[in-house]
Amino acid sequence: MKKKTKKKSSPSKAKRQLPTGDELLNQVVKLTGLPHKAIKNELKEILEKKNINIHQLNLGQLRCAAASYVREIMVSLIEKYSLRRNDSVH
């Protein structure tokens, strides 16, 4: 009778530990491809408004902050476009 051997999972398939805190923030800022200082300051400001401790930041909290950031940008673009469009009517 043959013994069944357990397959060892490769490191790529094993559950990876997600970064948190400053490490998570820095990784995401780097991956955006946007100017590091500007995007990091914007996200930090949003996190502070939401009373989120940057040093204990998790992925869910960062998603929430990023969504807020995108909403703020979209609202400002809509307002800007709307103002330009109204000016051209005159």
Protein backbone atom coordinates (compact mmCIF):
# COMPACT_ATOMS: atom_id res chain seq x y z
CA MET A 1 0.00 0.00 0.00
CA LYS A 2 1.35 3.41 -0.99
CA LYS A 3 1.52 6.20 1.53
CA LYS A 4 -0.26 9.36 0.57
CA THR A 5 2.06 12.30 0.72
CA LYS A 6 0.81 15.75 1.39
CA LYS A 7 1.44 18.22 -1.36
CA LYS A 8 3.35 21.21 -0.15
CA SER A 9 1.79 24.42 -1.29
CA SER A 10 4.09 26.78 -3.06
CA PRO A 11 4.76 30.17 -1.48
CA SER A 12 2.84 31.83 -4.30
CA LYS A 13 -0.29 29.88 -3.41
CA ALA A 14 0.07 30.27 0.33
CA LYS A 15 -1.88 33.06 1.96
CA ARG A 16 0.28 36.13 1.97
CA GLN A 17 0.30 38.49 4.89
CA LEU A 18 -1.09 41.82 3.73
CA PRO A 19 0.84 44.89 4.80
CA THR A 20 -0.75 47.32 7.23
CA GLY A 21 -0.09 50.80 8.53
CA ASP A 22 2.59 52.92 6.91
CA GLU A 23 3.80 50.00 4.80
CA LEU A 24 0.35 49.58 3.22
CA LEU A 25 -0.01 53.30 2.59
CA ASN A 26 3.45 53.51 1.02
CA GLN A 27 2.81 50.50 -1.24
CA VAL A 28 -0.47 51.88 -2.51
CA VAL A 29 1.00 55.34 -3.06
CA LYS A 30 3.85 53.80 -5.05
CA LEU A 31 1.48 51.67 -7.14
CA THR A 32 -0.70 54.64 -8.13
CA GLY A 33 2.07 56.08 -10.27
CA LEU A 34 1.02 59.52 -9.07
CA PRO A 35 3.38 62.00 -7.41
CA HIS A 36 4.16 60.31 -4.09
CA LYS A 37 4.14 63.34 -1.84
CA ALA A 38 0.88 64.76 -3.20
CA ILE A 39 -1.16 61.56 -3.11
CA LYS A 40 0.19 60.51 0.27
CA ASN A 41 -0.69 63.88 1.80
CA GLU A 42 -4.20 63.74 0.30
CA LEU A 43 -4.83 60.24 1.64
CA LYS A 44 -3.40 61.11 5.06
CA GLU A 45 -5.70 64.11 5.26
CA ILE A 46 -8.75 62.00 4.42
CA LEU A 47 -7.71 59.33 6.95
CA GLU A 48 -7.32 61.98 9.64
CA LYS A 49 -10.79 63.39 8.85
CA LYS A 50 -12.17 59.87 9.32
CA ASN A 51 -10.24 59.45 12.60
CA ILE A 52 -8.25 56.53 11.21
CA ASN A 53 -4.85 55.91 12.79
CA ILE A 54 -2.38 55.72 9.91
CA HIS A 55 -0.05 53.43 11.86
CA GLN A 56 -2.83 50.83 12.26
CA LEU A 57 -4.31 51.27 8.78
CA ASN A 58 -5.85 48.21 7.15
CA LEU A 59 -6.92 47.54 3.57
CA GLY A 60 -10.62 48.22 4.20
CA GLN A 61 -9.90 51.60 5.74
CA LEU A 62 -7.57 52.51 2.89
CA ARG A 63 -10.22 51.52 0.32
CA CYS A 64 -12.68 53.81 2.08
CA ALA A 65 -10.21 56.71 2.01
CA ALA A 66 -9.33 56.10 -1.64
CA ALA A 67 -13.03 56.05 -2.56
CA SER A 68 -13.50 59.37 -0.77
CA TYR A 69 -10.53 60.79 -2.65
CA VAL A 70 -11.95 59.70 -6.01
CA ARG A 71 -15.36 61.16 -5.09
CA GLU A 72 -13.76 64.50 -4.17
CA ILE A 73 -11.92 64.60 -7.50
CA MET A 74 -15.04 63.68 -9.46
CA VAL A 75 -17.16 66.33 -7.73
CA SER A 76 -14.55 69.01 -8.40
CA LEU A 77 -14.29 67.97 -12.08
CA ILE A 78 -18.08 67.99 -12.47
CA GLU A 79 -18.29 71.43 -10.87
CA LYS A 80 -15.45 72.72 -13.04
CA TYR A 81 -16.99 71.31 -16.22
CA SER A 82 -20.40 72.61 -15.26
CA LEU A 83 -19.04 76.13 -14.68
CA ARG A 84 -17.21 76.13 -18.02
CA ARG A 85 -20.28 74.92 -19.84
CA ASN A 86 -22.46 77.61 -18.26
CA ASP A 87 -19.91 80.31 -19.15
CA SER A 88 -19.92 79.30 -22.80
CA VAL A 89 -23.71 79.75 -23.05
CA HIS A 90 -23.49 83.54 -22.60
